[in-house]
Amino acid sequence: MPSDWTSLTVEAQAANPASMLSLYRSALRLRREHQALGRGELRWVATGAPGLIELDMAGDGEAVRVLVNFGASPIPLPRGACLLSSVELDDGHLRAEAAAWILLPA
């Protein structure tokens, strides 16, 4: 294995909370904890923002907004608690080429 791959081992990724492995493990844990994720009703949200995919997943009295920003500019996040994000959030905004799961207020 090439020496520059050492940061990609399971041991290295498991120890890094910002790694792709940690992100996927967090996503799987959240899907088990929140009825809306994976087993809830899915509704597409018409945003009108270029490059933004937005959908709501609802079930068991809660709703999670899933945002994927393929655009070139940051987008404001809806009110709610961030359950998961592929990047550090920037002052209530989701950067370009990033995704987030937001637990919407009841």
N, C-alpha and C. Protein backbone atom coordinates (compact mmCIF):
# COMPACT_ATOMS: atom_id res chain seq x y z
N MET A 1 0.85 -1.18 0.00
CA MET A 1 0.00 0.00 0.00
C MET A 1 0.90 1.24 0.00
N PRO A 2 0.59 2.23 -0.83
CA PRO A 2 1.41 3.45 -0.86
C PRO A 2 1.42 4.16 0.49
N SER A 3 2.52 4.77 0.83
CA SER A 3 2.67 5.42 2.14
C SER A 3 1.70 6.59 2.33
N ASP A 4 1.30 7.24 1.24
CA ASP A 4 0.39 8.39 1.40
C ASP A 4 -1.07 7.96 1.63
N TRP A 5 -1.31 6.66 1.72
CA TRP A 5 -2.65 6.14 2.01
C TRP A 5 -2.86 5.88 3.49
N THR A 6 -1.87 6.14 4.33
CA THR A 6 -2.00 5.83 5.76
C THR A 6 -3.17 6.56 6.42
N SER A 7 -3.53 7.73 5.92
CA SER A 7 -4.66 8.46 6.51
C SER A 7 -6.01 7.85 6.10
N LEU A 8 -5.98 6.89 5.19
CA LEU A 8 -7.22 6.28 4.70
C LEU A 8 -7.51 4.92 5.33
N THR A 9 -6.67 4.47 6.25
CA THR A 9 -6.93 3.19 6.90
C THR A 9 -8.13 3.31 7.83
N VAL A 10 -8.74 2.20 8.16
CA VAL A 10 -9.88 2.21 9.07
C VAL A 10 -9.46 2.80 10.42
N GLU A 11 -8.30 2.43 10.90
CA GLU A 11 -7.84 2.94 12.20
C GLU A 11 -7.70 4.46 12.18
N ALA A 12 -7.11 5.00 11.11
CA ALA A 12 -6.93 6.44 11.02
C ALA A 12 -8.27 7.15 10.86
N GLN A 13 -9.15 6.61 10.02
CA GLN A 13 -10.45 7.23 9.79
C GLN A 13 -11.33 7.16 11.05
N ALA A 14 -11.28 6.05 11.77
CA ALA A 14 -12.08 5.90 12.99
C ALA A 14 -11.64 6.89 14.07
N ALA A 15 -10.38 7.24 14.09
CA ALA A 15 -9.86 8.17 15.09
C ALA A 15 -10.11 9.64 14.72
N ASN A 16 -10.54 9.89 13.48
CA ASN A 16 -10.73 11.26 13.01
C ASN A 16 -12.23 11.56 12.89
N PRO A 17 -12.78 12.43 13.75
CA PRO A 17 -14.21 12.72 13.69
C PRO A 17 -14.63 13.41 12.40
N ALA A 18 -13.70 13.97 11.64
CA ALA A 18 -14.03 14.65 10.38
C ALA A 18 -13.84 13.74 9.17
N SER A 19 -13.55 12.46 9.38
CA SER A 19 -13.31 11.54 8.26
C SER A 19 -14.60 11.10 7.60
N MET A 20 -14.49 10.57 6.39
CA MET A 20 -15.66 10.04 5.69
C MET A 20 -16.25 8.84 6.43
N LEU A 21 -15.41 7.99 7.01
CA LEU A 21 -15.90 6.85 7.77
C LEU A 21 -16.74 7.34 8.96
N SER A 22 -16.25 8.33 9.68
CA SER A 22 -17.00 8.87 10.82
C SER A 22 -18.32 9.49 10.37
N LEU A 23 -18.31 10.19 9.23
CA LEU A 23 -19.53 10.78 8.70
C LEU A 23 -20.56 9.68 8.39
N TYR A 24 -20.14 8.62 7.72
CA TYR A 24 -21.06 7.52 7.39
C TYR A 24 -21.56 6.81 8.64
N ARG A 25 -20.70 6.58 9.60
CA ARG A 25 -21.14 5.94 10.83
C ARG A 25 -22.16 6.80 11.57
N SER A 26 -21.93 8.11 11.57
CA SER A 26 -22.89 9.02 12.20
C SER A 26 -24.23 8.99 11.47
N ALA A 27 -24.18 8.96 10.14
CA ALA A 27 -25.41 8.92 9.35
C ALA A 27 -26.20 7.64 9.63
N LEU A 28 -25.51 6.52 9.71
CA LEU A 28 -26.19 5.25 10.00
C LEU A 28 -26.80 5.25 11.41
N ARG A 29 -26.08 5.81 12.38
CA ARG A 29 -26.60 5.90 13.75
C ARG A 29 -27.85 6.78 13.78
N LEU A 30 -27.81 7.92 13.10
CA LEU A 30 -28.95 8.83 13.08
C LEU A 30 -30.16 8.20 12.40
N ARG A 31 -29.94 7.41 11.36
CA ARG A 31 -31.06 6.73 10.70
C ARG A 31 -31.75 5.75 11.65
N ARG A 32 -30.98 5.13 12.54
CA ARG A 32 -31.59 4.22 13.52
C ARG A 32 -32.35 5.01 14.59
N GLU A 33 -31.85 6.19 14.96
CA GLU A 33 -32.43 6.98 16.05
C GLU A 33 -33.65 7.79 15.64
N HIS A 34 -33.77 8.16 14.38
CA HIS A 34 -34.84 9.05 13.93
C HIS A 34 -35.73 8.33 12.92
N GLN A 35 -36.98 8.13 13.31
CA GLN A 35 -37.96 7.44 12.47
C GLN A 35 -38.08 8.10 11.09
N ALA A 36 -37.99 9.42 11.04
CA ALA A 36 -38.17 10.14 9.78
C ALA A 36 -37.11 9.75 8.74
N LEU A 37 -35.93 9.42 9.18
CA LEU A 37 -34.84 9.09 8.26
C LEU A 37 -34.92 7.62 7.87
N GLY A 38 -35.10 7.38 6.61
CA GLY A 38 -35.10 6.00 6.12
C GLY A 38 -36.45 5.34 6.08
N ARG A 39 -37.34 5.67 7.03
CA ARG A 39 -38.65 5.02 7.08
C ARG A 39 -39.79 6.02 7.01
N GLY A 40 -39.46 7.29 6.95
CA GLY A 40 -40.50 8.32 6.92
C GLY A 40 -40.97 8.64 5.52
N GLU A 41 -41.92 9.56 5.45
CA GLU A 41 -42.45 10.03 4.17
C GLU A 41 -41.51 11.07 3.59
N LEU A 42 -41.24 10.98 2.30
CA LEU A 42 -40.32 11.90 1.63
C LEU A 42 -41.11 12.90 0.80
N ARG A 43 -40.81 14.20 0.96
CA ARG A 43 -41.43 15.26 0.18
C ARG A 43 -40.35 16.16 -0.40
N TRP A 44 -40.34 16.34 -1.71
CA TRP A 44 -39.41 17.26 -2.35
C TRP A 44 -39.83 18.68 -2.05
N VAL A 45 -38.87 19.57 -1.79
CA VAL A 45 -39.14 20.97 -1.51
C VAL A 45 -38.68 21.78 -2.72
N ALA A 46 -39.58 22.57 -3.30
CA ALA A 46 -39.22 23.42 -4.44
C ALA A 46 -38.49 24.65 -3.91
N THR A 47 -37.22 24.76 -4.24
CA THR A 47 -36.42 25.84 -3.68
C THR A 47 -36.25 27.02 -4.63
N GLY A 48 -36.12 26.75 -5.90
CA GLY A 48 -35.85 27.81 -6.85
C GLY A 48 -34.39 28.24 -6.85
N ALA A 49 -33.61 27.74 -5.90
CA ALA A 49 -32.19 28.09 -5.84
C ALA A 49 -31.41 27.17 -6.77
N PRO A 50 -30.57 27.74 -7.63
CA PRO A 50 -29.81 26.90 -8.56
C PRO A 50 -28.82 26.00 -7.82
N GLY A 51 -28.82 24.73 -8.19
CA GLY A 51 -27.87 23.80 -7.60
C GLY A 51 -28.23 23.28 -6.23
N LEU A 52 -29.45 23.55 -5.75
CA LEU A 52 -29.84 23.11 -4.41
C LEU A 52 -30.90 22.02 -4.51
N ILE A 53 -30.64 20.89 -3.87
CA ILE A 53 -31.63 19.84 -3.71
C ILE A 53 -32.06 19.88 -2.26
N GLU A 54 -33.38 19.91 -2.06
CA GLU A 54 -33.92 20.03 -0.71
C GLU A 54 -35.13 19.11 -0.59
N LEU A 55 -35.16 18.32 0.47
CA LEU A 55 -36.32 17.46 0.71
C LEU A 55 -36.55 17.31 2.19
N ASP A 56 -37.81 17.03 2.52
CA ASP A 56 -38.20 16.78 3.91
C ASP A 56 -38.51 15.31 4.06
N MET A 57 -38.06 14.74 5.16
CA MET A 57 -38.39 13.38 5.53
C MET A 57 -39.13 13.48 6.85
N ALA A 58 -40.37 12.98 6.88
CA ALA A 58 -41.20 13.13 8.07
C ALA A 58 -41.72 11.77 8.53
N GLY A 59 -41.77 11.61 9.84
CA GLY A 59 -42.31 10.40 10.43
C GLY A 59 -42.20 10.44 11.94
N ASP A 60 -43.14 9.79 12.61
CA ASP A 60 -43.13 9.67 14.06
C ASP A 60 -43.07 11.03 14.75
N GLY A 61 -43.79 12.03 14.18
CA GLY A 61 -43.88 13.33 14.82
C GLY A 61 -42.69 14.24 14.64
N GLU A 62 -41.77 13.90 13.75
CA GLU A 62 -40.62 14.77 13.51
C GLU A 62 -40.38 14.90 12.01
N ALA A 63 -39.65 15.95 11.64
CA ALA A 63 -39.30 16.17 10.24
C ALA A 63 -37.83 16.56 10.15
N VAL A 64 -37.15 15.99 9.18
CA VAL A 64 -35.74 16.29 8.93
C VAL A 64 -35.64 16.85 7.52
N ARG A 65 -35.02 18.02 7.39
CA ARG A 65 -34.77 18.62 6.08
C ARG A 65 -33.38 18.20 5.63
N VAL A 66 -33.31 17.64 4.44
CA VAL A 66 -32.05 17.22 3.84
C VAL A 66 -31.71 18.23 2.75
N LEU A 67 -30.54 18.83 2.86
CA LEU A 67 -30.11 19.82 1.88
C LEU A 67 -28.79 19.36 1.25
N VAL A 68 -28.72 19.47 -0.07
CA VAL A 68 -27.47 19.20 -0.78
C VAL A 68 -27.22 20.40 -1.68
N ASN A 69 -26.13 21.10 -1.41
CA ASN A 69 -25.80 22.32 -2.14
C ASN A 69 -24.76 22.02 -3.21
N PHE A 70 -25.23 21.85 -4.45
CA PHE A 70 -24.33 21.66 -5.59
C PHE A 70 -23.95 22.99 -6.21
N GLY A 71 -24.52 24.08 -5.71
CA GLY A 71 -24.28 25.40 -6.27
C GLY A 71 -22.91 25.95 -5.90
N ALA A 72 -22.65 27.15 -6.38
CA ALA A 72 -21.35 27.79 -6.16
C ALA A 72 -21.33 28.70 -4.94
N SER A 73 -22.52 29.00 -4.37
CA SER A 73 -22.61 29.94 -3.26
C SER A 73 -23.20 29.26 -2.02
N PRO A 74 -22.83 29.75 -0.83
CA PRO A 74 -23.44 29.23 0.39
C PRO A 74 -24.94 29.54 0.41
N ILE A 75 -25.70 28.68 1.08
CA ILE A 75 -27.14 28.89 1.20
C ILE A 75 -27.50 28.93 2.69
N PRO A 76 -28.50 29.75 3.06
CA PRO A 76 -28.89 29.80 4.47
C PRO A 76 -29.60 28.51 4.87
N LEU A 77 -29.35 28.07 6.08
CA LEU A 77 -29.98 26.87 6.61
C LEU A 77 -31.31 27.23 7.26
N PRO A 78 -32.27 26.31 7.22
CA PRO A 78 -33.53 26.56 7.92
C PRO A 78 -33.32 26.49 9.43
N ARG A 79 -34.29 27.04 10.18
CA ARG A 79 -34.23 26.93 11.64
C ARG A 79 -34.30 25.47 12.03
N GLY A 80 -33.55 25.11 13.04
CA GLY A 80 -33.58 23.75 13.54
C GLY A 80 -32.20 23.31 13.98
N ALA A 81 -32.14 22.09 14.47
CA ALA A 81 -30.88 21.53 14.97
C ALA A 81 -30.18 20.74 13.87
N CYS A 82 -28.92 21.02 13.66
CA CYS A 82 -28.15 20.29 12.66
C CYS A 82 -27.80 18.91 13.22
N LEU A 83 -28.33 17.87 12.59
CA LEU A 83 -28.02 16.50 13.00
C LEU A 83 -26.70 16.02 12.39
N LEU A 84 -26.45 16.44 11.15
CA LEU A 84 -25.28 15.94 10.42
C LEU A 84 -24.94 16.93 9.32
N SER A 85 -23.66 17.13 9.09
CA SER A 85 -23.21 17.97 7.99
C SER A 85 -21.91 17.41 7.45
N SER A 86 -21.75 17.51 6.14
CA SER A 86 -20.52 17.00 5.52
C SER A 86 -19.36 17.98 5.67
N VAL A 87 -19.64 19.19 6.12
CA VAL A 87 -18.62 20.23 6.32
C VAL A 87 -18.95 21.02 7.58
N GLU A 88 -18.01 21.83 8.03
CA GLU A 88 -18.29 22.77 9.11
C GLU A 88 -19.26 23.81 8.58
N LEU A 89 -20.29 24.12 9.36
CA LEU A 89 -21.25 25.13 8.94
C LEU A 89 -20.67 26.51 9.16
N ASP A 90 -21.01 27.42 8.26
CA ASP A 90 -20.44 28.75 8.27
C ASP A 90 -21.51 29.77 8.62
N ASP A 91 -21.63 30.11 9.90
CA ASP A 91 -22.54 31.16 10.37
C ASP A 91 -23.96 30.93 9.86
N GLY A 92 -24.48 29.72 10.04
CA GLY A 92 -25.85 29.42 9.65
C GLY A 92 -26.04 29.18 8.16
N HIS A 93 -24.94 28.97 7.45
CA HIS A 93 -25.00 28.73 6.01
C HIS A 93 -24.30 27.41 5.67
N LEU A 94 -24.80 26.78 4.61
CA LEU A 94 -24.19 25.56 4.10
C LEU A 94 -23.35 25.92 2.88
N ARG A 95 -22.07 25.61 2.97
CA ARG A 95 -21.15 25.93 1.87
C ARG A 95 -21.51 25.17 0.60
N ALA A 96 -20.94 25.62 -0.50
CA ALA A 96 -21.10 24.94 -1.78
C ALA A 96 -20.52 23.53 -1.68
N GLU A 97 -21.08 22.62 -2.45
CA GLU A 97 -20.62 21.23 -2.51
C GLU A 97 -20.63 20.56 -1.14
N ALA A 98 -21.74 20.74 -0.43
CA ALA A 98 -21.87 20.17 0.91
C ALA A 98 -23.32 19.75 1.14
N ALA A 99 -23.51 18.96 2.20
CA ALA A 99 -24.85 18.48 2.54
C ALA A 99 -25.06 18.58 4.04
N ALA A 100 -26.34 18.68 4.44
CA ALA A 100 -26.67 18.73 5.87
C ALA A 100 -28.06 18.13 6.10
N TRP A 101 -28.23 17.58 7.30
CA TRP A 101 -29.53 17.09 7.78
C TRP A 101 -29.92 17.97 8.95
N ILE A 102 -31.07 18.65 8.83
CA ILE A 102 -31.55 19.57 9.86
C ILE A 102 -32.85 19.05 10.45
N LEU A 103 -32.87 18.85 11.79
CA LEU A 103 -34.09 18.47 12.48
C LEU A 103 -34.94 19.73 12.64
N LEU A 104 -36.08 19.76 11.95
CA LEU A 104 -36.92 20.95 11.96
C LEU A 104 -37.70 21.04 13.27
N PRO A 105 -37.96 22.29 13.74
CA PRO A 105 -38.74 22.44 14.97
C PRO A 105 -40.17 21.93 14.76
N ALA A 106 -40.74 21.39 15.81
CA ALA A 106 -42.12 20.83 15.73
C ALA A 106 -43.14 21.93 15.58
